């Protein structure tokens, strides 16, 4: 829902919470990579 509304800060926070519960949720990593990529933060995308 946050991604749909372009609320990227909230989306990344939810991803961090997802990974706190289950570090193998690949969709959360994809979202983090996408948001950082849209911001041009390519080092974070790679990390």
ModelCIF file with pLDDT and N, C-alpha, C, O atoms, coordinates in Angstrom:
data_MODEL
#
_entry.id   MODEL 
#
_entity.id                         1 
_entity.type                       polymer 
_entity.pdbx_number_of_molecules   1 
#
_entity_poly.entity_id                      1 
_entity_poly.type                           'polypeptide(L)' 
_entity_poly.nstd_linkage                   no 
_entity_poly.nstd_monomer                   no 
_entity_poly.pdbx_seq_one_letter_code       
;(UNK)(UNK)(UNK)(UNK)(UNK)(UNK)(UNK)(UNK)(UNK)(UNK)(UNK)(UNK)(UNK)(UNK)(UNK)(UNK)
(UNK)(UNK)(UNK)(UNK)(UNK)(UNK)(UNK)(UNK)(UNK)(UNK)(UNK)(UNK)(UNK)(UNK)(UNK)(UNK)
(UNK)(UNK)(UNK)(UNK)(UNK)(UNK)(UNK)(UNK)(UNK)(UNK)(UNK)(UNK)(UNK)(UNK)(UNK)
;
_entity_poly.pdbx_seq_one_letter_code_can   XXXXXXXXXXXXXXXXXXXXXXXXXXXXXXXXXXXXXXXXXXXXXXX 
_entity_poly.pdbx_strand_id                 A 
#
loop_
_entity_poly_seq.entity_id 
_entity_poly_seq.num 
_entity_poly_seq.mon_id 
_entity_poly_seq.hetero 
1 1  UNK n 
1 2  UNK n 
1 3  UNK n 
1 4  UNK n 
1 5  UNK n 
1 6  UNK n 
1 7  UNK n 
1 8  UNK n 
1 9  UNK n 
1 10 UNK n 
1 11 UNK n 
1 12 UNK n 
1 13 UNK n 
1 14 UNK n 
1 15 UNK n 
1 16 UNK n 
1 17 UNK n 
1 18 UNK n 
1 19 UNK n 
1 20 UNK n 
1 21 UNK n 
1 22 UNK n 
1 23 UNK n 
1 24 UNK n 
1 25 UNK n 
1 26 UNK n 
1 27 UNK n 
1 28 UNK n 
1 29 UNK n 
1 30 UNK n 
1 31 UNK n 
1 32 UNK n 
1 33 UNK n 
1 34 UNK n 
1 35 UNK n 
1 36 UNK n 
1 37 UNK n 
1 38 UNK n 
1 39 UNK n 
1 40 UNK n 
1 41 UNK n 
1 42 UNK n 
1 43 UNK n 
1 44 UNK n 
1 45 UNK n 
1 46 UNK n 
1 47 UNK n 
#
_struct_asym.id          A 
_struct_asym.entity_id   1 
#
loop_
_ma_qa_metric.id 
_ma_qa_metric.mode 
_ma_qa_metric.name 
_ma_qa_metric.software_group_id 
_ma_qa_metric.type 
1 global pLDDT . pLDDT 
2 local  pLDDT . pLDDT 
#
_ma_qa_metric_global.metric_id      1 
_ma_qa_metric_global.metric_value   95.28 
_ma_qa_metric_global.model_id       1 
_ma_qa_metric_global.ordinal_id     1 
#
loop_
_ma_qa_metric_local.label_asym_id 
_ma_qa_metric_local.label_comp_id 
_ma_qa_metric_local.label_seq_id 
_ma_qa_metric_local.metric_id 
_ma_qa_metric_local.metric_value 
_ma_qa_metric_local.model_id 
_ma_qa_metric_local.ordinal_id 
A UNK 1  2 97.00 1 1  
A UNK 2  2 96.00 1 2  
A UNK 3  2 94.00 1 3  
A UNK 4  2 93.00 1 4  
A UNK 5  2 93.00 1 5  
A UNK 6  2 91.00 1 6  
A UNK 7  2 94.00 1 7  
A UNK 8  2 94.00 1 8  
A UNK 9  2 94.00 1 9  
A UNK 10 2 96.00 1 10 
A UNK 11 2 96.00 1 11 
A UNK 12 2 96.00 1 12 
A UNK 13 2 97.00 1 13 
A UNK 14 2 98.00 1 14 
A UNK 15 2 98.00 1 15 
A UNK 16 2 97.00 1 16 
A UNK 17 2 97.00 1 17 
A UNK 18 2 98.00 1 18 
A UNK 19 2 98.00 1 19 
A UNK 20 2 97.00 1 20 
A UNK 21 2 97.00 1 21 
A UNK 22 2 97.00 1 22 
A UNK 23 2 97.00 1 23 
A UNK 24 2 98.00 1 24 
A UNK 25 2 98.00 1 25 
A UNK 26 2 97.00 1 26 
A UNK 27 2 97.00 1 27 
A UNK 28 2 98.00 1 28 
A UNK 29 2 98.00 1 29 
A UNK 30 2 96.00 1 30 
A UNK 31 2 96.00 1 31 
A UNK 32 2 97.00 1 32 
A UNK 33 2 96.00 1 33 
A UNK 34 2 94.00 1 34 
A UNK 35 2 94.00 1 35 
A UNK 36 2 94.00 1 36 
A UNK 37 2 92.00 1 37 
A UNK 38 2 88.00 1 38 
A UNK 39 2 88.00 1 39 
A UNK 40 2 88.00 1 40 
A UNK 41 2 91.00 1 41 
A UNK 42 2 93.00 1 42 
A UNK 43 2 95.00 1 43 
A UNK 44 2 96.00 1 44 
A UNK 45 2 96.00 1 45 
A UNK 46 2 96.00 1 46 
A UNK 47 2 97.00 1 47 
#
loop_
_atom_site.group_PDB 
_atom_site.id 
_atom_site.type_symbol 
_atom_site.label_atom_id 
_atom_site.label_alt_id 
_atom_site.label_comp_id 
_atom_site.label_asym_id 
_atom_site.label_entity_id 
_atom_site.label_seq_id 
_atom_site.pdbx_PDB_ins_code 
_atom_site.Cartn_x 
_atom_site.Cartn_y 
_atom_site.Cartn_z 
_atom_site.occupancy 
_atom_site.B_iso_or_equiv 
_atom_site.pdbx_formal_charge 
_atom_site.auth_seq_id 
_atom_site.auth_comp_id 
_atom_site.auth_asym_id 
_atom_site.auth_atom_id 
_atom_site.pdbx_PDB_model_num 
ATOM 1   N N  . UNK A 1 1  ? 0.827  -1.202  0.000  1.00 97.00 ? 1  UNK A N  1 
ATOM 2   C CA . UNK A 1 1  ? 0.000  0.000   0.000  1.00 97.00 ? 1  UNK A CA 1 
ATOM 3   C C  . UNK A 1 1  ? 0.868  1.262   0.000  1.00 97.00 ? 1  UNK A C  1 
ATOM 4   O O  . UNK A 1 1  ? 0.550  2.241   -0.674 1.00 97.00 ? 1  UNK A O  1 
ATOM 5   N N  . UNK A 1 2  ? 1.966  1.228   0.762  1.00 96.00 ? 2  UNK A N  1 
ATOM 6   C CA . UNK A 1 2  ? 2.859  2.384   0.798  1.00 96.00 ? 2  UNK A CA 1 
ATOM 7   C C  . UNK A 1 2  ? 3.514  2.607   -0.563 1.00 96.00 ? 2  UNK A C  1 
ATOM 8   O O  . UNK A 1 2  ? 3.634  3.748   -1.011 1.00 96.00 ? 2  UNK A O  1 
ATOM 9   N N  . UNK A 1 3  ? 3.937  1.537   -1.220 1.00 94.00 ? 3  UNK A N  1 
ATOM 10  C CA . UNK A 1 3  ? 4.532  1.678   -2.547 1.00 94.00 ? 3  UNK A CA 1 
ATOM 11  C C  . UNK A 1 3  ? 3.522  2.227   -3.548 1.00 94.00 ? 3  UNK A C  1 
ATOM 12  O O  . UNK A 1 3  ? 3.850  3.063   -4.389 1.00 94.00 ? 3  UNK A O  1 
ATOM 13  N N  . UNK A 1 4  ? 2.292  1.743   -3.441 1.00 93.00 ? 4  UNK A N  1 
ATOM 14  C CA . UNK A 1 4  ? 1.254  2.208   -4.364 1.00 93.00 ? 4  UNK A CA 1 
ATOM 15  C C  . UNK A 1 4  ? 1.040  3.710   -4.250 1.00 93.00 ? 4  UNK A C  1 
ATOM 16  O O  . UNK A 1 4  ? 0.761  4.389   -5.238 1.00 93.00 ? 4  UNK A O  1 
ATOM 17  N N  . UNK A 1 5  ? 1.177  4.220   -3.020 1.00 93.00 ? 5  UNK A N  1 
ATOM 18  C CA . UNK A 1 5  ? 0.973  5.650   -2.790 1.00 93.00 ? 5  UNK A CA 1 
ATOM 19  C C  . UNK A 1 5  ? 2.281  6.438   -2.821 1.00 93.00 ? 5  UNK A C  1 
ATOM 20  O O  . UNK A 1 5  ? 2.323  7.607   -2.438 1.00 93.00 ? 5  UNK A O  1 
ATOM 21  N N  . UNK A 1 6  ? 3.352  5.780   -3.284 1.00 91.00 ? 6  UNK A N  1 
ATOM 22  C CA . UNK A 1 6  ? 4.672  6.418   -3.385 1.00 91.00 ? 6  UNK A CA 1 
ATOM 23  C C  . UNK A 1 6  ? 5.174  6.914   -2.026 1.00 91.00 ? 6  UNK A C  1 
ATOM 24  O O  . UNK A 1 6  ? 5.915  7.895   -1.960 1.00 91.00 ? 6  UNK A O  1 
ATOM 25  N N  . UNK A 1 7  ? 4.778  6.248   -0.955 1.00 94.00 ? 7  UNK A N  1 
ATOM 26  C CA . UNK A 1 7  ? 5.265  6.583   0.384  1.00 94.00 ? 7  UNK A CA 1 
ATOM 27  C C  . UNK A 1 7  ? 6.491  5.718   0.656  1.00 94.00 ? 7  UNK A C  1 
ATOM 28  O O  . UNK A 1 7  ? 6.423  4.723   1.378  1.00 94.00 ? 7  UNK A O  1 
ATOM 29  N N  . UNK A 1 8  ? 7.611  6.118   0.064  1.00 94.00 ? 8  UNK A N  1 
ATOM 30  C CA . UNK A 1 8  ? 8.784  5.261   0.040  1.00 94.00 ? 8  UNK A CA 1 
ATOM 31  C C  . UNK A 1 8  ? 9.436  5.108   1.416  1.00 94.00 ? 8  UNK A C  1 
ATOM 32  O O  . UNK A 1 8  ? 9.947  4.035   1.738  1.00 94.00 ? 8  UNK A O  1 
ATOM 33  N N  . UNK A 1 9  ? 9.424  6.146   2.215  1.00 94.00 ? 9  UNK A N  1 
ATOM 34  C CA . UNK A 1 9  ? 10.019 6.040   3.553  1.00 94.00 ? 9  UNK A CA 1 
ATOM 35  C C  . UNK A 1 9  ? 9.277  4.994   4.384  1.00 94.00 ? 9  UNK A C  1 
ATOM 36  O O  . UNK A 1 9  ? 9.893  4.174   5.065  1.00 94.00 ? 9  UNK A O  1 
ATOM 37  N N  . UNK A 1 10 ? 7.949  5.037   4.316  1.00 96.00 ? 10 UNK A N  1 
ATOM 38  C CA . UNK A 1 10 ? 7.161  4.046   5.049  1.00 96.00 ? 10 UNK A CA 1 
ATOM 39  C C  . UNK A 1 10 ? 7.402  2.640   4.496  1.00 96.00 ? 10 UNK A C  1 
ATOM 40  O O  . UNK A 1 10 ? 7.500  1.677   5.257  1.00 96.00 ? 10 UNK A O  1 
ATOM 41  N N  . UNK A 1 11 ? 7.497  2.528   3.180  1.00 96.00 ? 11 UNK A N  1 
ATOM 42  C CA . UNK A 1 11 ? 7.716  1.215   2.570  1.00 96.00 ? 11 UNK A CA 1 
ATOM 43  C C  . UNK A 1 11 ? 9.025  0.595   3.041  1.00 96.00 ? 11 UNK A C  1 
ATOM 44  O O  . UNK A 1 11 ? 9.080  -0.596  3.347  1.00 96.00 ? 11 UNK A O  1 
ATOM 45  N N  . UNK A 1 12 ? 10.086 1.411   3.097  1.00 96.00 ? 12 UNK A N  1 
ATOM 46  C CA . UNK A 1 12 ? 11.367 0.869   3.538  1.00 96.00 ? 12 UNK A CA 1 
ATOM 47  C C  . UNK A 1 12 ? 11.329 0.476   5.015  1.00 96.00 ? 12 UNK A C  1 
ATOM 48  O O  . UNK A 1 12 ? 11.964 -0.501  5.411  1.00 96.00 ? 12 UNK A O  1 
ATOM 49  N N  . UNK A 1 13 ? 10.589 1.227   5.828  1.00 97.00 ? 13 UNK A N  1 
ATOM 50  C CA . UNK A 1 13 ? 10.466 0.862   7.248  1.00 97.00 ? 13 UNK A CA 1 
ATOM 51  C C  . UNK A 1 13 ? 9.749  -0.470  7.396  1.00 97.00 ? 13 UNK A C  1 
ATOM 52  O O  . UNK A 1 13 ? 10.147 -1.299  8.215  1.00 97.00 ? 13 UNK A O  1 
ATOM 53  N N  . UNK A 1 14 ? 8.707  -0.685  6.623  1.00 98.00 ? 14 UNK A N  1 
ATOM 54  C CA . UNK A 1 14 ? 8.010  -1.965  6.686  1.00 98.00 ? 14 UNK A CA 1 
ATOM 55  C C  . UNK A 1 14 ? 8.925  -3.100  6.245  1.00 98.00 ? 14 UNK A C  1 
ATOM 56  O O  . UNK A 1 14 ? 8.863  -4.201  6.790  1.00 98.00 ? 14 UNK A O  1 
ATOM 57  N N  . UNK A 1 15 ? 9.771  -2.830  5.259  1.00 98.00 ? 15 UNK A N  1 
ATOM 58  C CA . UNK A 1 15 ? 10.714 -3.864  4.810  1.00 98.00 ? 15 UNK A CA 1 
ATOM 59  C C  . UNK A 1 15 ? 11.676 -4.244  5.919  1.00 98.00 ? 15 UNK A C  1 
ATOM 60  O O  . UNK A 1 15 ? 11.964 -5.424  6.119  1.00 98.00 ? 15 UNK A O  1 
ATOM 61  N N  . UNK A 1 16 ? 12.172 -3.253  6.639  1.00 97.00 ? 16 UNK A N  1 
ATOM 62  C CA . UNK A 1 16 ? 13.088 -3.562  7.741  1.00 97.00 ? 16 UNK A CA 1 
ATOM 63  C C  . UNK A 1 16 ? 12.388 -4.400  8.804  1.00 97.00 ? 16 UNK A C  1 
ATOM 64  O O  . UNK A 1 16 ? 12.991 -5.309  9.374  1.00 97.00 ? 16 UNK A O  1 
ATOM 65  N N  . UNK A 1 17 ? 11.125 -4.104  9.074  1.00 97.00 ? 17 UNK A N  1 
ATOM 66  C CA . UNK A 1 17 ? 10.375 -4.898  10.047 1.00 97.00 ? 17 UNK A CA 1 
ATOM 67  C C  . UNK A 1 17 ? 10.133 -6.321  9.538  1.00 97.00 ? 17 UNK A C  1 
ATOM 68  O O  . UNK A 1 17 ? 10.199 -7.282  10.305 1.00 97.00 ? 17 UNK A O  1 
ATOM 69  N N  . UNK A 1 18 ? 9.855  -6.445  8.250  1.00 98.00 ? 18 UNK A N  1 
ATOM 70  C CA . UNK A 1 18 ? 9.693  -7.773  7.656  1.00 98.00 ? 18 UNK A CA 1 
ATOM 71  C C  . UNK A 1 18 ? 10.956 -8.596  7.876  1.00 98.00 ? 18 UNK A C  1 
ATOM 72  O O  . UNK A 1 18 ? 10.886 -9.754  8.287  1.00 98.00 ? 18 UNK A O  1 
ATOM 73  N N  . UNK A 1 19 ? 12.107 -7.998  7.603  1.00 98.00 ? 19 UNK A N  1 
ATOM 74  C CA . UNK A 1 19 ? 13.369 -8.724  7.716  1.00 98.00 ? 19 UNK A CA 1 
ATOM 75  C C  . UNK A 1 19 ? 13.737 -9.008  9.166  1.00 98.00 ? 19 UNK A C  1 
ATOM 76  O O  . UNK A 1 19 ? 14.472 -9.957  9.440  1.00 98.00 ? 19 UNK A O  1 
ATOM 77  N N  . UNK A 1 20 ? 13.242 -8.206  10.089 1.00 97.00 ? 20 UNK A N  1 
ATOM 78  C CA . UNK A 1 20 ? 13.436 -8.517  11.510 1.00 97.00 ? 20 UNK A CA 1 
ATOM 79  C C  . UNK A 1 20 ? 12.712 -9.809  11.883 1.00 97.00 ? 20 UNK A C  1 
ATOM 80  O O  . UNK A 1 20 ? 13.193 -10.583 12.711 1.00 97.00 ? 20 UNK A O  1 
ATOM 81  N N  . UNK A 1 21 ? 11.559 -10.032 11.269 1.00 97.00 ? 21 UNK A N  1 
ATOM 82  C CA . UNK A 1 21 ? 10.787 -11.243 11.545 1.00 97.00 ? 21 UNK A CA 1 
ATOM 83  C C  . UNK A 1 21 ? 11.326 -12.431 10.758 1.00 97.00 ? 21 UNK A C  1 
ATOM 84  O O  . UNK A 1 21 ? 11.449 -13.534 11.291 1.00 97.00 ? 21 UNK A O  1 
ATOM 85  N N  . UNK A 1 22 ? 11.644 -12.202 9.490  1.00 97.00 ? 22 UNK A N  1 
ATOM 86  C CA . UNK A 1 22 ? 12.107 -13.280 8.619  1.00 97.00 ? 22 UNK A CA 1 
ATOM 87  C C  . UNK A 1 22 ? 13.144 -12.712 7.645  1.00 97.00 ? 22 UNK A C  1 
ATOM 88  O O  . UNK A 1 22 ? 12.779 -12.016 6.697  1.00 97.00 ? 22 UNK A O  1 
ATOM 89  N N  . UNK A 1 23 ? 14.426 -12.998 7.865  1.00 97.00 ? 23 UNK A N  1 
ATOM 90  C CA . UNK A 1 23 ? 15.477 -12.412 7.026  1.00 97.00 ? 23 UNK A CA 1 
ATOM 91  C C  . UNK A 1 23 ? 15.560 -12.996 5.625  1.00 97.00 ? 23 UNK A C  1 
ATOM 92  O O  . UNK A 1 23 ? 16.438 -12.617 4.850  1.00 97.00 ? 23 UNK A O  1 
ATOM 93  N N  . UNK A 1 24 ? 14.644 -13.928 5.283  1.00 98.00 ? 24 UNK A N  1 
ATOM 94  C CA . UNK A 1 24 ? 14.697 -14.568 3.968  1.00 98.00 ? 24 UNK A CA 1 
ATOM 95  C C  . UNK A 1 24 ? 13.565 -14.120 3.050  1.00 98.00 ? 24 UNK A C  1 
ATOM 96  O O  . UNK A 1 24 ? 13.316 -14.751 2.022  1.00 98.00 ? 24 UNK A O  1 
ATOM 97  N N  . UNK A 1 25 ? 12.876 -13.036 3.410  1.00 98.00 ? 25 UNK A N  1 
ATOM 98  C CA . UNK A 1 25 ? 11.779 -12.528 2.596  1.00 98.00 ? 25 UNK A CA 1 
ATOM 99  C C  . UNK A 1 25 ? 12.350 -11.696 1.447  1.00 98.00 ? 25 UNK A C  1 
ATOM 100 O O  . UNK A 1 25 ? 12.663 -10.519 1.624  1.00 98.00 ? 25 UNK A O  1 
ATOM 101 N N  . UNK A 1 26 ? 12.484 -12.310 0.276  1.00 97.00 ? 26 UNK A N  1 
ATOM 102 C CA . UNK A 1 26 ? 13.199 -11.676 -0.824 1.00 97.00 ? 26 UNK A CA 1 
ATOM 103 C C  . UNK A 1 26 ? 12.477 -10.441 -1.357 1.00 97.00 ? 26 UNK A C  1 
ATOM 104 O O  . UNK A 1 26 ? 13.119 -9.513  -1.849 1.00 97.00 ? 26 UNK A O  1 
ATOM 105 N N  . UNK A 1 27 ? 11.144 -10.425 -1.264 1.00 97.00 ? 27 UNK A N  1 
ATOM 106 C CA . UNK A 1 27 ? 10.410 -9.248  -1.742 1.00 97.00 ? 27 UNK A CA 1 
ATOM 107 C C  . UNK A 1 27 ? 10.809 -7.990  -0.986 1.00 97.00 ? 27 UNK A C  1 
ATOM 108 O O  . UNK A 1 27 ? 10.823 -6.900  -1.557 1.00 97.00 ? 27 UNK A O  1 
ATOM 109 N N  . UNK A 1 28 ? 11.133 -8.132  0.295  1.00 98.00 ? 28 UNK A N  1 
ATOM 110 C CA . UNK A 1 28 ? 11.547 -6.966  1.076  1.00 98.00 ? 28 UNK A CA 1 
ATOM 111 C C  . UNK A 1 28 ? 12.869 -6.413  0.553  1.00 98.00 ? 28 UNK A C  1 
ATOM 112 O O  . UNK A 1 28 ? 13.036 -5.198  0.444  1.00 98.00 ? 28 UNK A O  1 
ATOM 113 N N  . UNK A 1 29 ? 13.799 -7.292  0.234  1.00 98.00 ? 29 UNK A N  1 
ATOM 114 C CA . UNK A 1 29 ? 15.065 -6.831  -0.346 1.00 98.00 ? 29 UNK A CA 1 
ATOM 115 C C  . UNK A 1 29 ? 14.832 -6.147  -1.697 1.00 98.00 ? 29 UNK A C  1 
ATOM 116 O O  . UNK A 1 29 ? 15.456 -5.131  -2.002 1.00 98.00 ? 29 UNK A O  1 
ATOM 117 N N  . UNK A 1 30 ? 13.934 -6.712  -2.495 1.00 96.00 ? 30 UNK A N  1 
ATOM 118 C CA . UNK A 1 30 ? 13.639 -6.115  -3.794 1.00 96.00 ? 30 UNK A CA 1 
ATOM 119 C C  . UNK A 1 30 ? 13.088 -4.703  -3.639 1.00 96.00 ? 30 UNK A C  1 
ATOM 120 O O  . UNK A 1 30 ? 13.456 -3.799  -4.389 1.00 96.00 ? 30 UNK A O  1 
ATOM 121 N N  . UNK A 1 31 ? 12.206 -4.520  -2.663 1.00 96.00 ? 31 UNK A N  1 
ATOM 122 C CA . UNK A 1 31 ? 11.642 -3.189  -2.443 1.00 96.00 ? 31 UNK A CA 1 
ATOM 123 C C  . UNK A 1 31 ? 12.724 -2.211  -2.002 1.00 96.00 ? 31 UNK A C  1 
ATOM 124 O O  . UNK A 1 31 ? 12.777 -1.080  -2.486 1.00 96.00 ? 31 UNK A O  1 
ATOM 125 N N  . UNK A 1 32 ? 13.584 -2.644  -1.086 1.00 97.00 ? 32 UNK A N  1 
ATOM 126 C CA . UNK A 1 32 ? 14.670 -1.768  -0.635 1.00 97.00 ? 32 UNK A CA 1 
ATOM 127 C C  . UNK A 1 32 ? 15.584 -1.392  -1.801 1.00 97.00 ? 32 UNK A C  1 
ATOM 128 O O  . UNK A 1 32 ? 15.998 -0.238  -1.919 1.00 97.00 ? 32 UNK A O  1 
ATOM 129 N N  . UNK A 1 33 ? 15.897 -2.352  -2.652 1.00 96.00 ? 33 UNK A N  1 
ATOM 130 C CA . UNK A 1 33 ? 16.731 -2.073  -3.819 1.00 96.00 ? 33 UNK A CA 1 
ATOM 131 C C  . UNK A 1 33 ? 16.032 -1.105  -4.768 1.00 96.00 ? 33 UNK A C  1 
ATOM 132 O O  . UNK A 1 33 ? 16.655 -0.195  -5.316 1.00 96.00 ? 33 UNK A O  1 
ATOM 133 N N  . UNK A 1 34 ? 14.737 -1.310  -4.954 1.00 94.00 ? 34 UNK A N  1 
ATOM 134 C CA . UNK A 1 34 ? 13.971 -0.445  -5.852 1.00 94.00 ? 34 UNK A CA 1 
ATOM 135 C C  . UNK A 1 34 ? 13.942 0.997   -5.343 1.00 94.00 ? 34 UNK A C  1 
ATOM 136 O O  . UNK A 1 34 ? 14.199 1.931   -6.102 1.00 94.00 ? 34 UNK A O  1 
ATOM 137 N N  . UNK A 1 35 ? 13.630 1.177   -4.065 1.00 94.00 ? 35 UNK A N  1 
ATOM 138 C CA . UNK A 1 35 ? 13.525 2.527   -3.510 1.00 94.00 ? 35 UNK A CA 1 
ATOM 139 C C  . UNK A 1 35 ? 14.869 3.238   -3.576 1.00 94.00 ? 35 UNK A C  1 
ATOM 140 O O  . UNK A 1 35 ? 14.936 4.398   -3.981 1.00 94.00 ? 35 UNK A O  1 
ATOM 141 N N  . UNK A 1 36 ? 15.935 2.556   -3.184 1.00 94.00 ? 36 UNK A N  1 
ATOM 142 C CA . UNK A 1 36 ? 17.256 3.194   -3.240 1.00 94.00 ? 36 UNK A CA 1 
ATOM 143 C C  . UNK A 1 36 ? 17.659 3.471   -4.692 1.00 94.00 ? 36 UNK A C  1 
ATOM 144 O O  . UNK A 1 36 ? 18.304 4.476   -4.987 1.00 94.00 ? 36 UNK A O  1 
ATOM 145 N N  . UNK A 1 37 ? 17.267 2.560   -5.592 1.00 92.00 ? 37 UNK A N  1 
ATOM 146 C CA . UNK A 1 37 ? 17.572 2.783   -7.002 1.00 92.00 ? 37 UNK A CA 1 
ATOM 147 C C  . UNK A 1 37 ? 16.852 3.997   -7.552 1.00 92.00 ? 37 UNK A C  1 
ATOM 148 O O  . UNK A 1 37 ? 17.432 4.767   -8.316 1.00 92.00 ? 37 UNK A O  1 
ATOM 149 N N  . UNK A 1 38 ? 15.584 4.180   -7.171 1.00 88.00 ? 38 UNK A N  1 
ATOM 150 C CA . UNK A 1 38 ? 14.837 5.353   -7.629 1.00 88.00 ? 38 UNK A CA 1 
ATOM 151 C C  . UNK A 1 38 ? 15.463 6.641   -7.111 1.00 88.00 ? 38 UNK A C  1 
ATOM 152 O O  . UNK A 1 38 ? 15.338 7.695   -7.735 1.00 88.00 ? 38 UNK A O  1 
ATOM 153 N N  . UNK A 1 39 ? 16.138 6.550   -5.965 1.00 88.00 ? 39 UNK A N  1 
ATOM 154 C CA . UNK A 1 39 ? 16.789 7.732   -5.393 1.00 88.00 ? 39 UNK A CA 1 
ATOM 155 C C  . UNK A 1 39 ? 18.205 7.920   -5.943 1.00 88.00 ? 39 UNK A C  1 
ATOM 156 O O  . UNK A 1 39 ? 18.875 8.901   -5.620 1.00 88.00 ? 39 UNK A O  1 
ATOM 157 N N  . UNK A 1 40 ? 18.652 6.990   -6.764 1.00 88.00 ? 40 UNK A N  1 
ATOM 158 C CA . UNK A 1 40 ? 20.007 7.077   -7.295 1.00 88.00 ? 40 UNK A CA 1 
ATOM 159 C C  . UNK A 1 40 ? 21.071 6.624   -6.325 1.00 88.00 ? 40 UNK A C  1 
ATOM 160 O O  . UNK A 1 40 ? 22.253 6.899   -6.532 1.00 88.00 ? 40 UNK A O  1 
ATOM 161 N N  . UNK A 1 41 ? 20.675 5.933   -5.268 1.00 91.00 ? 41 UNK A N  1 
ATOM 162 C CA . UNK A 1 41 ? 21.624 5.461   -4.245 1.00 91.00 ? 41 UNK A CA 1 
ATOM 163 C C  . UNK A 1 41 ? 22.103 4.058   -4.624 1.00 91.00 ? 41 UNK A C  1 
ATOM 164 O O  . UNK A 1 41 ? 21.713 3.064   -4.013 1.00 91.00 ? 41 UNK A O  1 
ATOM 165 N N  . UNK A 1 42 ? 22.943 4.006   -5.632 1.00 93.00 ? 42 UNK A N  1 
ATOM 166 C CA . UNK A 1 42 ? 23.311 2.728   -6.222 1.00 93.00 ? 42 UNK A CA 1 
ATOM 167 C C  . UNK A 1 42 ? 24.163 1.871   -5.285 1.00 93.00 ? 42 UNK A C  1 
ATOM 168 O O  . UNK A 1 42 ? 24.099 0.642   -5.340 1.00 93.00 ? 42 UNK A O  1 
ATOM 169 N N  . UNK A 1 43 ? 24.954 2.507   -4.433 1.00 95.00 ? 43 UNK A N  1 
ATOM 170 C CA . UNK A 1 43 ? 25.724 1.738   -3.454 1.00 95.00 ? 43 UNK A CA 1 
ATOM 171 C C  . UNK A 1 43 ? 24.817 0.967   -2.516 1.00 95.00 ? 43 UNK A C  1 
ATOM 172 O O  . UNK A 1 43 ? 25.104 -0.178  -2.165 1.00 95.00 ? 43 UNK A O  1 
ATOM 173 N N  . UNK A 1 44 ? 23.712 1.597   -2.108 1.00 96.00 ? 44 UNK A N  1 
ATOM 174 C CA . UNK A 1 44 ? 22.759 0.915   -1.222 1.00 96.00 ? 44 UNK A CA 1 
ATOM 175 C C  . UNK A 1 44 ? 22.041 -0.211  -1.956 1.00 96.00 ? 44 UNK A C  1 
ATOM 176 O O  . UNK A 1 44 ? 21.754 -1.257  -1.374 1.00 96.00 ? 44 UNK A O  1 
ATOM 177 N N  . UNK A 1 45 ? 21.755 0.007   -3.237 1.00 96.00 ? 45 UNK A N  1 
ATOM 178 C CA . UNK A 1 45 ? 21.145 -1.055  -4.030 1.00 96.00 ? 45 UNK A CA 1 
ATOM 179 C C  . UNK A 1 45 ? 22.049 -2.285  -4.028 1.00 96.00 ? 45 UNK A C  1 
ATOM 180 O O  . UNK A 1 45 ? 21.589 -3.401  -3.786 1.00 96.00 ? 45 UNK A O  1 
ATOM 181 N N  . UNK A 1 46 ? 23.332 -2.077  -4.297 1.00 96.00 ? 46 UNK A N  1 
ATOM 182 C CA . UNK A 1 46 ? 24.293 -3.185  -4.328 1.00 96.00 ? 46 UNK A CA 1 
ATOM 183 C C  . UNK A 1 46 ? 24.429 -3.828  -2.948 1.00 96.00 ? 46 UNK A C  1 
ATOM 184 O O  . UNK A 1 46 ? 24.534 -5.050  -2.845 1.00 96.00 ? 46 UNK A O  1 
ATOM 185 N N  . UNK A 1 47 ? 24.429 -3.030  -1.904 1.00 97.00 ? 47 UNK A N  1 
ATOM 186 C CA . UNK A 1 47 ? 24.576 -3.563  -0.545 1.00 97.00 ? 47 UNK A CA 1 
ATOM 187 C C  . UNK A 1 47 ? 23.406 -4.462  -0.169 1.00 97.00 ? 47 UNK A C  1 
ATOM 188 O O  . UNK A 1 47 ? 23.369 -4.995  0.940  1.00 97.00 ? 47 UNK A O  1 
#
